[in-house]
Amino acid sequence: MEDISSDLLEEFKERMHISHSSEDDNLKRLLSFSIVDLQEKCGPFEIEKDLRAKELVFERTRYTYNDALEYFDNNFLSQINSLGLSIALKEGDSDATI
C-alpha cells in the first residue's frame, strides 16, 4: 500500500469538500488503491510531481468514494491512455505504440 502524505490527503479532502477527519484512514486507503491501480495501468509516476497522474488518482478516488468505480475506466480511458503513453515515452520505451 502506498504511503499517503498528509498534504495529499488534505488536498483531496479540500477538493471533495470534506472538512472532518473521521474518514481520513479510509480516504488514505482509497487514494493508495488508486495510485497502485493507475501505476499498474500506466507505469510508475511520482504523485507529487505529475499533475496529470494526481488528477487521475483524485478522480478515481472520487469515483470509489461515491461507489461508482465501475464507470471510471470508461469515462477516463483517453486520459489513462495518454498518461501511460507519456510515461512510456519518458522511460524511453521503444516498444510503445500508438
PDB file of N, CA and C in Angstrom:
ATOM      1  N   MET A   1       0.844  -1.182   0.000  1.00  0.00           N
ATOM      2  CA  MET A   1       0.000   0.000   0.000  1.00  0.00           C
ATOM      3  C   MET A   1       0.888   1.244   0.000  1.00  0.00           C
ATOM      4  N   GLU A   2       0.543   2.188  -0.829  1.00  0.00           N
ATOM      5  CA  GLU A   2       1.285   3.444  -0.930  1.00  0.00           C
ATOM      6  C   GLU A   2       1.130   4.267   0.342  1.00  0.00           C
ATOM      7  N   ASP A   3       2.214   4.940   0.736  1.00  0.00           N
ATOM      8  CA  ASP A   3       2.156   5.848   1.876  1.00  0.00           C
ATOM      9  C   ASP A   3       1.603   7.182   1.386  1.00  0.00           C
ATOM     10  N   ILE A   4       0.496   7.610   1.951  1.00  0.00           N
ATOM     11  CA  ILE A   4      -0.172   8.840   1.529  1.00  0.00           C
ATOM     12  C   ILE A   4       0.228   9.970   2.468  1.00  0.00           C
ATOM     13  N   SER A   5       0.784  11.030   1.900  1.00  0.00           N
ATOM     14  CA  SER A   5       1.205  12.173   2.710  1.00  0.00           C
ATOM     15  C   SER A   5      -0.020  12.931   3.225  1.00  0.00           C
ATOM     16  N   SER A   6       0.169  13.613   4.326  1.00  0.00           N
ATOM     17  CA  SER A   6      -0.927  14.412   4.869  1.00  0.00           C
ATOM     18  C   SER A   6      -1.289  15.550   3.920  1.00  0.00           C
ATOM     19  N   ASP A   7      -0.309  16.073   3.170  1.00  0.00           N
ATOM     20  CA  ASP A   7      -0.589  17.127   2.195  1.00  0.00           C
ATOM     21  C   ASP A   7      -1.497  16.623   1.077  1.00  0.00           C
ATOM     22  N   LEU A   8      -1.210  15.418   0.582  1.00  0.00           N
ATOM     23  CA  LEU A   8      -2.033  14.840  -0.473  1.00  0.00           C
ATOM     24  C   LEU A   8      -3.449  14.572   0.043  1.00  0.00           C
ATOM     25  N   LEU A   9      -3.535  14.041   1.231  1.00  0.00           N
ATOM     26  CA  LEU A   9      -4.845  13.785   1.836  1.00  0.00           C
ATOM     27  C   LEU A   9      -5.626  15.082   1.982  1.00  0.00           C
ATOM     28  N   GLU A  10      -5.007  16.122   2.492  1.00  0.00           N
ATOM     29  CA  GLU A  10      -5.697  17.398   2.684  1.00  0.00           C
ATOM     30  C   GLU A  10      -6.115  18.020   1.353  1.00  0.00           C
ATOM     31  N   GLU A  11      -5.272  17.880   0.336  1.00  0.00           N
ATOM     32  CA  GLU A  11      -5.621  18.406  -0.986  1.00  0.00           C
ATOM     33  C   GLU A  11      -6.860  17.680  -1.537  1.00  0.00           C
ATOM     34  N   PHE A  12      -6.898  16.359  -1.364  1.00  0.00           N
ATOM     35  CA  PHE A  12      -8.064  15.607  -1.821  1.00  0.00           C
ATOM     36  C   PHE A  12      -9.311  15.988  -1.024  1.00  0.00           C
ATOM     37  N   LYS A  13      -9.177  16.100   0.283  1.00  0.00           N
ATOM     38  CA  LYS A  13     -10.325  16.466   1.117  1.00  0.00           C
ATOM     39  C   LYS A  13     -10.854  17.847   0.746  1.00  0.00           C
ATOM     40  N   GLU A  14      -9.955  18.781   0.465  1.00  0.00           N
ATOM     41  CA  GLU A  14     -10.380  20.124   0.058  1.00  0.00           C
ATOM     42  C   GLU A  14     -11.159  20.061  -1.253  1.00  0.00           C
ATOM     43  N   ARG A  15     -10.657  19.281  -2.171  1.00  0.00           N
ATOM     44  CA  ARG A  15     -11.331  19.130  -3.464  1.00  0.00           C
ATOM     45  C   ARG A  15     -12.721  18.519  -3.313  1.00  0.00           C
ATOM     46  N   MET A  16     -12.845  17.584  -2.370  1.00  0.00           N
ATOM     47  CA  MET A  16     -14.118  16.892  -2.154  1.00  0.00           C
ATOM     48  C   MET A  16     -15.010  17.625  -1.151  1.00  0.00           C
ATOM     49  N   HIS A  17     -14.530  18.726  -0.611  1.00  0.00           N
ATOM     50  CA  HIS A  17     -15.265  19.498   0.399  1.00  0.00           C
ATOM     51  C   HIS A  17     -15.560  18.653   1.634  1.00  0.00           C
ATOM     52  N   ILE A  18     -14.536  17.908   2.066  1.00  0.00           N
ATOM     53  CA  ILE A  18     -14.634  17.102   3.285  1.00  0.00           C
ATOM     54  C   ILE A  18     -13.849  17.838   4.363  1.00  0.00           C
ATOM     55  N   SER A  19     -14.538  18.282   5.398  1.00  0.00           N
ATOM     56  CA  SER A  19     -13.873  19.087   6.424  1.00  0.00           C
ATOM     57  C   SER A  19     -13.592  18.321   7.715  1.00  0.00           C
ATOM     58  N   HIS A  20     -14.141  17.156   7.868  1.00  0.00           N
ATOM     59  CA  HIS A  20     -13.932  16.372   9.085  1.00  0.00           C
ATOM     60  C   HIS A  20     -12.784  15.375   8.885  1.00  0.00           C
ATOM     61  N   SER A  21     -12.319  14.802   9.955  1.00  0.00           N
ATOM     62  CA  SER A  21     -11.199  13.863   9.861  1.00  0.00           C
ATOM     63  C   SER A  21     -11.607  12.421  10.154  1.00  0.00           C
ATOM     64  N   SER A  22     -12.884  12.180  10.362  1.00  0.00           N
ATOM     65  CA  SER A  22     -13.324  10.838  10.729  1.00  0.00           C
ATOM     66  C   SER A  22     -13.117   9.810   9.616  1.00  0.00           C
ATOM     67  N   GLU A  23     -12.957  10.264   8.379  1.00  0.00           N
ATOM     68  CA  GLU A  23     -12.764   9.339   7.254  1.00  0.00           C
ATOM     69  C   GLU A  23     -11.324   9.317   6.746  1.00  0.00           C
ATOM     70  N   ASP A  24     -10.423   9.945   7.451  1.00  0.00           N
ATOM     71  CA  ASP A  24      -9.050  10.063   6.954  1.00  0.00           C
ATOM     72  C   ASP A  24      -8.410   8.718   6.623  1.00  0.00           C
ATOM     73  N   ASP A  25      -8.554   7.736   7.495  1.00  0.00           N
ATOM     74  CA  ASP A  25      -7.939   6.434   7.229  1.00  0.00           C
ATOM     75  C   ASP A  25      -8.525   5.803   5.975  1.00  0.00           C
ATOM     76  N   ASN A  26      -9.835   5.889   5.816  1.00  0.00           N
ATOM     77  CA  ASN A  26     -10.471   5.339   4.623  1.00  0.00           C
ATOM     78  C   ASN A  26     -10.029   6.095   3.371  1.00  0.00           C
ATOM     79  N   LEU A  27      -9.951   7.411   3.440  1.00  0.00           N
ATOM     80  CA  LEU A  27      -9.527   8.199   2.285  1.00  0.00           C
ATOM     81  C   LEU A  27      -8.079   7.882   1.906  1.00  0.00           C
ATOM     82  N   LYS A  28      -7.214   7.707   2.885  1.00  0.00           N
ATOM     83  CA  LYS A  28      -5.827   7.327   2.607  1.00  0.00           C
ATOM     84  C   LYS A  28      -5.782   5.983   1.892  1.00  0.00           C
ATOM     85  N   ARG A  29      -6.593   5.060   2.356  1.00  0.00           N
ATOM     86  CA  ARG A  29      -6.650   3.736   1.734  1.00  0.00           C
ATOM     87  C   ARG A  29      -7.144   3.840   0.280  1.00  0.00           C
ATOM     88  N   LEU A  30      -8.197   4.619   0.069  1.00  0.00           N
ATOM     89  CA  LEU A  30      -8.735   4.784  -1.282  1.00  0.00           C
ATOM     90  C   LEU A  30      -7.722   5.463  -2.214  1.00  0.00           C
ATOM     91  N   LEU A  31      -7.041   6.488  -1.721  1.00  0.00           N
ATOM     92  CA  LEU A  31      -6.004   7.146  -2.513  1.00  0.00           C
ATOM     93  C   LEU A  31      -4.877   6.167  -2.856  1.00  0.00           C
ATOM     94  N   SER A  32      -4.491   5.371  -1.882  1.00  0.00           N
ATOM     95  CA  SER A  32      -3.439   4.388  -2.097  1.00  0.00           C
ATOM     96  C   SER A  32      -3.842   3.368  -3.153  1.00  0.00           C
ATOM     97  N   PHE A  33      -5.060   2.854  -3.074  1.00  0.00           N
ATOM     98  CA  PHE A  33      -5.556   1.903  -4.064  1.00  0.00           C
ATOM     99  C   PHE A  33      -5.564   2.525  -5.460  1.00  0.00           C
ATOM    100  N   SER A  34      -5.941   3.799  -5.542  1.00  0.00           N
ATOM    101  CA  SER A  34      -5.995   4.476  -6.834  1.00  0.00           C
ATOM    102  C   SER A  34      -4.603   4.646  -7.424  1.00  0.00           C
ATOM    103  N   ILE A  35      -3.633   4.993  -6.601  1.00  0.00           N
ATOM    104  CA  ILE A  35      -2.255   5.132  -7.080  1.00  0.00           C
ATOM    105  C   ILE A  35      -1.750   3.802  -7.623  1.00  0.00           C
ATOM    106  N   VAL A  36      -1.948   2.737  -6.862  1.00  0.00           N
ATOM    107  CA  VAL A  36      -1.484   1.414  -7.282  1.00  0.00           C
ATOM    108  C   VAL A  36      -2.163   0.998  -8.588  1.00  0.00           C
ATOM    109  N   ASP A  37      -3.464   1.187  -8.676  1.00  0.00           N
ATOM    110  CA  ASP A  37      -4.200   0.800  -9.878  1.00  0.00           C
ATOM    111  C   ASP A  37      -3.692   1.561 -11.102  1.00  0.00           C
ATOM    112  N   LEU A  38      -3.524   2.857 -10.976  1.00  0.00           N
ATOM    113  CA  LEU A  38      -3.083   3.651 -12.121  1.00  0.00           C
ATOM    114  C   LEU A  38      -1.626   3.392 -12.479  1.00  0.00           C
ATOM    115  N   GLN A  39      -0.789   3.091 -11.494  1.00  0.00           N
ATOM    116  CA  GLN A  39       0.594   2.742 -11.806  1.00  0.00           C
ATOM    117  C   GLN A  39       0.663   1.400 -12.527  1.00  0.00           C
ATOM    118  N   GLU A  40      -0.221   0.479 -12.176  1.00  0.00           N
ATOM    119  CA  GLU A  40      -0.262  -0.800 -12.892  1.00  0.00           C
ATOM    120  C   GLU A  40      -0.711  -0.600 -14.333  1.00  0.00           C
ATOM    121  N   LYS A  41      -1.627   0.322 -14.566  1.00  0.00           N
ATOM    122  CA  LYS A  41      -2.141   0.567 -15.910  1.00  0.00           C
ATOM    123  C   LYS A  41      -1.201   1.432 -16.744  1.00  0.00           C
ATOM    124  N   CYS A  42      -0.558   2.415 -16.107  1.00  0.00           N
ATOM    125  CA  CYS A  42       0.181   3.442 -16.845  1.00  0.00           C
ATOM    126  C   CYS A  42       1.691   3.378 -16.676  1.00  0.00           C
ATOM    127  N   GLY A  43       2.154   2.820 -15.598  1.00  0.00           N
ATOM    128  CA  GLY A  43       3.577   2.826 -15.289  1.00  0.00           C
ATOM    129  C   GLY A  43       3.835   3.680 -14.061  1.00  0.00           C
ATOM    130  N   PRO A  44       5.045   3.628 -13.552  1.00  0.00           N
ATOM    131  CA  PRO A  44       5.369   4.353 -12.313  1.00  0.00           C
ATOM    132  C   PRO A  44       5.365   5.871 -12.513  1.00  0.00           C
ATOM    133  N   PHE A  45       4.868   6.566 -11.499  1.00  0.00           N
ATOM    134  CA  PHE A  45       4.882   8.026 -11.503  1.00  0.00           C
ATOM    135  C   PHE A  45       5.005   8.512 -10.069  1.00  0.00           C
ATOM    136  N   GLU A  46       5.450   9.743  -9.930  1.00  0.00           N
ATOM    137  CA  GLU A  46       5.529  10.378  -8.621  1.00  0.00           C
ATOM    138  C   GLU A  46       4.322  11.297  -8.495  1.00  0.00           C
ATOM    139  N   ILE A  47       3.439  10.974  -7.576  1.00  0.00           N
ATOM    140  CA  ILE A  47       2.163  11.670  -7.433  1.00  0.00           C
ATOM    141  C   ILE A  47       2.343  13.167  -7.192  1.00  0.00           C
ATOM    142  N   GLU A  48       3.379  13.550  -6.476  1.00  0.00           N
ATOM    143  CA  GLU A  48       3.582  14.968  -6.154  1.00  0.00           C
ATOM    144  C   GLU A  48       4.157  15.755  -7.324  1.00  0.00           C
ATOM    145  N   LYS A  49       4.727  15.062  -8.322  1.00  0.00           N
ATOM    146  CA  LYS A  49       5.369  15.757  -9.438  1.00  0.00           C
ATOM    147  C   LYS A  49       4.571  15.698 -10.730  1.00  0.00           C
ATOM    148  N   ASP A  50       3.742  14.690 -10.883  1.00  0.00           N
ATOM    149  CA  ASP A  50       2.999  14.515 -12.127  1.00  0.00           C
ATOM    150  C   ASP A  50       1.554  14.936 -11.915  1.00  0.00           C
ATOM    151  N   LEU A  51       1.214  16.128 -12.382  1.00  0.00           N
ATOM    152  CA  LEU A  51      -0.125  16.670 -12.144  1.00  0.00           C
ATOM    153  C   LEU A  51      -1.223  15.879 -12.852  1.00  0.00           C
ATOM    154  N   ARG A  52      -0.925  15.350 -14.020  1.00  0.00           N
ATOM    155  CA  ARG A  52      -1.941  14.536 -14.711  1.00  0.00           C
ATOM    156  C   ARG A  52      -2.219  13.254 -13.943  1.00  0.00           C
ATOM    157  N   ALA A  53      -1.172  12.658 -13.411  1.00  0.00           N
ATOM    158  CA  ALA A  53      -1.351  11.441 -12.612  1.00  0.00           C
ATOM    159  C   ALA A  53      -2.146  11.762 -11.344  1.00  0.00           C
ATOM    160  N   LYS A  54      -1.817  12.881 -10.703  1.00  0.00           N
ATOM    161  CA  LYS A  54      -2.541  13.269  -9.498  1.00  0.00           C
ATOM    162  C   LYS A  54      -4.020  13.483  -9.799  1.00  0.00           C
ATOM    163  N   GLU A  55      -4.296  14.146 -10.902  1.00  0.00           N
ATOM    164  CA  GLU A  55      -5.687  14.386 -11.297  1.00  0.00           C
ATOM    165  C   GLU A  55      -6.432  13.062 -11.475  1.00  0.00           C
ATOM    166  N   LEU A  56      -5.820  12.108 -12.144  1.00  0.00           N
ATOM    167  CA  LEU A  56      -6.467  10.808 -12.341  1.00  0.00           C
ATOM    168  C   LEU A  56      -6.638  10.052 -11.025  1.00  0.00           C
ATOM    169  N   VAL A  57      -5.651  10.130 -10.154  1.00  0.00           N
ATOM    170  CA  VAL A  57      -5.768   9.495  -8.838  1.00  0.00           C
ATOM    171  C   VAL A  57      -6.938  10.102  -8.071  1.00  0.00           C
ATOM    172  N   PHE A  58      -7.043  11.422  -8.090  1.00  0.00           N
ATOM    173  CA  PHE A  58      -8.150  12.082  -7.394  1.00  0.00           C
ATOM    174  C   PHE A  58      -9.490  11.695  -8.004  1.00  0.00           C
ATOM    175  N   GLU A  59      -9.560  11.651  -9.320  1.00  0.00           N
ATOM    176  CA  GLU A  59     -10.822  11.290  -9.975  1.00  0.00           C
ATOM    177  C   GLU A  59     -11.204   9.843  -9.660  1.00  0.00           C
ATOM    178  N   ARG A  60     -10.233   8.931  -9.728  1.00  0.00           N
ATOM    179  CA  ARG A  60     -10.538   7.534  -9.423  1.00  0.00           C
ATOM    180  C   ARG A  60     -10.979   7.386  -7.972  1.00  0.00           C
ATOM    181  N   THR A  61     -10.320   8.095  -7.083  1.00  0.00           N
ATOM    182  CA  THR A  61     -10.683   8.044  -5.670  1.00  0.00           C
ATOM    183  C   THR A  61     -12.078   8.624  -5.450  1.00  0.00           C
ATOM    184  N   ARG A  62     -12.396   9.683  -6.164  1.00  0.00           N
ATOM    185  CA  ARG A  62     -13.739  10.268  -6.072  1.00  0.00           C
ATOM    186  C   ARG A  62     -14.795   9.267  -6.525  1.00  0.00           C
ATOM    187  N   TYR A  63     -14.540   8.600  -7.623  1.00  0.00           N
ATOM    188  CA  TYR A  63     -15.474   7.581  -8.105  1.00  0.00           C
ATOM    189  C   TYR A  63     -15.627   6.463  -7.075  1.00  0.00           C
ATOM    190  N   THR A  64     -14.525   6.024  -6.503  1.00  0.00           N
ATOM    191  CA  THR A  64     -14.576   4.961  -5.493  1.00  0.00           C
ATOM    192  C   THR A  64     -15.342   5.423  -4.268  1.00  0.00           C
ATOM    193  N   TYR A  65     -15.056   6.617  -3.809  1.00  0.00           N
ATOM    194  CA  TYR A  65     -15.715   7.180  -2.630  1.00  0.00           C
ATOM    195  C   TYR A  65     -17.228   7.245  -2.829  1.00  0.00           C
ATOM    196  N   ASN A  66     -17.646   7.525  -4.051  1.00  0.00           N
ATOM    197  CA  ASN A  66     -19.072   7.653  -4.370  1.00  0.00           C
ATOM    198  C   ASN A  66     -19.679   6.358  -4.920  1.00  0.00           C
ATOM    199  N   ASP A  67     -19.003   5.225  -4.704  1.00  0.00           N
ATOM    200  CA  ASP A  67     -19.489   3.912  -5.139  1.00  0.00           C
ATOM    201  C   ASP A  67     -19.831   3.868  -6.625  1.00  0.00           C
ATOM    202  N   ALA A  68     -18.970   4.455  -7.437  1.00  0.00           N
ATOM    203  CA  ALA A  68     -19.199   4.463  -8.885  1.00  0.00           C
ATOM    204  C   ALA A  68     -17.938   4.041  -9.652  1.00  0.00           C
ATOM    205  N   LEU A  69     -17.077   3.266  -9.017  1.00  0.00           N
ATOM    206  CA  LEU A  69     -15.793   2.905  -9.615  1.00  0.00           C
ATOM    207  C   LEU A  69     -15.945   2.211 -10.970  1.00  0.00           C
ATOM    208  N   GLU A  70     -17.026   1.476 -11.154  1.00  0.00           N
ATOM    209  CA  GLU A  70     -17.205   0.745 -12.415  1.00  0.00           C
ATOM    210  C   GLU A  70     -17.287   1.678 -13.629  1.00  0.00           C
ATOM    211  N   TYR A  71     -17.506   2.958 -13.425  1.00  0.00           N
ATOM    212  CA  TYR A  71     -17.596   3.916 -14.525  1.00  0.00           C
ATOM    213  C   TYR A  71     -16.283   4.647 -14.804  1.00  0.00           C
ATOM    214  N   PHE A  72     -15.332   4.545 -13.911  1.00  0.00           N
ATOM    215  CA  PHE A  72     -14.108   5.333 -14.033  1.00  0.00           C
ATOM    216  C   PHE A  72     -13.322   5.013 -15.300  1.00  0.00           C
ATOM    217  N   ASP A  73     -13.011   3.738 -15.530  1.00  0.00           N
ATOM    218  CA  ASP A  73     -12.153   3.381 -16.665  1.00  0.00           C
ATOM    219  C   ASP A  73     -12.735   3.867 -17.989  1.00  0.00           C
ATOM    220  N   ASN A  74     -14.010   3.667 -18.202  1.00  0.00           N
ATOM    221  CA  ASN A  74     -14.623   4.114 -19.462  1.00  0.00           C
ATOM    222  C   ASN A  74     -14.641   5.629 -19.581  1.00  0.00           C
ATOM    223  N   ASN A  75     -14.951   6.315 -18.501  1.00  0.00           N
ATOM    224  CA  ASN A  75     -15.046   7.774 -18.543  1.00  0.00           C
ATOM    225  C   ASN A  75     -13.691   8.469 -18.677  1.00  0.00           C
ATOM    226  N   PHE A  76     -12.625   7.808 -18.259  1.00  0.00           N
ATOM    227  CA  PHE A  76     -11.293   8.420 -18.286  1.00  0.00           C
ATOM    228  C   PHE A  76     -10.306   7.648 -19.151  1.00  0.00           C
ATOM    229  N   LEU A  77     -10.810   6.824 -20.058  1.00  0.00           N
ATOM    230  CA  LEU A  77      -9.945   5.988 -20.887  1.00  0.00           C
ATOM    231  C   LEU A  77      -8.916   6.805 -21.663  1.00  0.00           C
ATOM    232  N   SER A  78      -9.328   7.897 -22.249  1.00  0.00           N
ATOM    233  CA  SER A  78      -8.410   8.726 -23.027  1.00  0.00           C
ATOM    234  C   SER A  78      -7.277   9.277 -22.156  1.00  0.00           C
ATOM    235  N   GLN A  79      -7.620   9.767 -20.967  1.00  0.00           N
ATOM    236  CA  GLN A  79      -6.608  10.321 -20.067  1.00  0.00           C
ATOM    237  C   GLN A  79      -5.677   9.225 -19.534  1.00  0.00           C
ATOM    238  N   ILE A  80      -6.223   8.043 -19.257  1.00  0.00           N
ATOM    239  CA  ILE A  80      -5.409   6.924 -18.780  1.00  0.00           C
ATOM    240  C   ILE A  80      -4.414   6.525 -19.865  1.00  0.00           C
ATOM    241  N   ASN A  81      -4.899   6.386 -21.096  1.00  0.00           N
ATOM    242  CA  ASN A  81      -4.011   6.030 -22.211  1.00  0.00           C
ATOM    243  C   ASN A  81      -2.954   7.091 -22.441  1.00  0.00           C
ATOM    244  N   SER A  82      -3.340   8.352 -22.370  1.00  0.00           N
ATOM    245  CA  SER A  82      -2.395   9.447 -22.572  1.00  0.00           C
ATOM    246  C   SER A  82      -1.304   9.444 -21.504  1.00  0.00           C
ATOM    247  N   LEU A  83      -1.704   9.246 -20.262  1.00  0.00           N
ATOM    248  CA  LEU A  83      -0.715   9.196 -19.177  1.00  0.00           C
ATOM    249  C   LEU A  83       0.225   8.014 -19.371  1.00  0.00           C
ATOM    250  N   GLY A  84      -0.322   6.858 -19.690  1.00  0.00           N
ATOM    251  CA  GLY A  84       0.514   5.674 -19.912  1.00  0.00           C
ATOM    252  C   GLY A  84       1.505   5.877 -21.036  1.00  0.00           C
ATOM    253  N   LEU A  85       1.050   6.495 -22.116  1.00  0.00           N
ATOM    254  CA  LEU A  85       1.935   6.755 -23.250  1.00  0.00           C
ATOM    255  C   LEU A  85       3.030   7.743 -22.871  1.00  0.00           C
ATOM    256  N   SER A  86       2.680   8.799 -22.168  1.00  0.00           N
ATOM    257  CA  SER A  86       3.702   9.788 -21.798  1.00  0.00           C
ATOM    258  C   SER A  86       4.721   9.194 -20.829  1.00  0.00           C
ATOM    259  N   ILE A  87       4.278   8.320 -19.929  1.00  0.00           N
ATOM    260  CA  ILE A  87       5.213   7.660 -19.008  1.00  0.00           C
ATOM    261  C   ILE A  87       6.138   6.732 -19.779  1.00  0.00           C
ATOM    262  N   ALA A  88       5.575   5.980 -20.716  1.00  0.00           N
ATOM    263  CA  ALA A  88       6.390   5.071 -21.527  1.00  0.00           C
ATOM    264  C   ALA A  88       7.421   5.836 -22.335  1.00  0.00           C
ATOM    265  N   LEU A  89       7.017   6.961 -22.901  1.00  0.00           N
ATOM    266  CA  LEU A  89       7.953   7.754 -23.701  1.00  0.00           C
ATOM    267  C   LEU A  89       9.041   8.378 -22.839  1.00  0.00           C
ATOM    268  N   LYS A  90       8.694   8.796 -21.627  1.00  0.00           N
ATOM    269  CA  LYS A  90       9.698   9.359 -20.700  1.00  0.00           C
ATOM    270  C   LYS A  90      10.738   8.312 -20.330  1.00  0.00           C
ATOM    271  N   GLU A  91      10.279   7.062 -20.195  1.00  0.00           N
ATOM    272  CA  GLU A  91      11.181   5.985 -19.824  1.00  0.00           C
ATOM    273  C   GLU A  91      12.034   5.530 -21.004  1.00  0.00           C
ATOM    274  N   GLY A  92      11.731   6.055 -22.201  1.00  0.00           N
ATOM    275  CA  GLY A  92      12.484   5.661 -23.372  1.00  0.00           C
ATOM    276  C   GLY A  92      12.089   4.282 -23.856  1.00  0.00           C
ATOM    277  N   ASP A  93      10.868   3.886 -23.596  1.00  0.00           N
ATOM    278  CA  ASP A  93      10.381   2.580 -24.004  1.00  0.00           C
ATOM    279  C   ASP A  93      10.140   2.578 -25.504  1.00  0.00           C
ATOM    280  N   SER A  94      11.041   1.948 -26.253  1.00  0.00           N
ATOM    281  CA  SER A  94      10.923   1.927 -27.708  1.00  0.00           C
ATOM    282  C   SER A  94       9.808   1.005 -28.182  1.00  0.00           C
ATOM    283  N   ASP A  95       9.233   0.203 -27.272  1.00  0.00           N
ATOM    284  CA  ASP A  95       8.138  -0.679 -27.648  1.00  0.00           C
ATOM    285  C   ASP A  95       6.792   0.003 -27.583  1.00  0.00           C
ATOM    286  N   ALA A  96       6.740   1.258 -27.133  1.00  0.00           N
ATOM    287  CA  ALA A  96       5.466   1.980 -27.018  1.00  0.00           C
ATOM    288  C   ALA A  96       4.897   2.193 -28.409  1.00  0.00           C
ATOM    289  N   THR A  97       3.621   1.875 -28.542  1.00  0.00           N
ATOM    290  CA  THR A  97       2.955   2.077 -29.832  1.00  0.00           C
ATOM    291  C   THR A  97       1.741   2.925 -29.640  1.00  0.00           C
ATOM    292  N   ILE A  98       1.368   3.590 -30.690  1.00  0.00           N
ATOM    293  CA  ILE A  98       0.164   4.444 -30.643  1.00  0.00           C
ATOM    294  C   ILE A  98      -0.964   3.725 -31.334  1.00  0.00           C
TER     295      ILE A  98
END
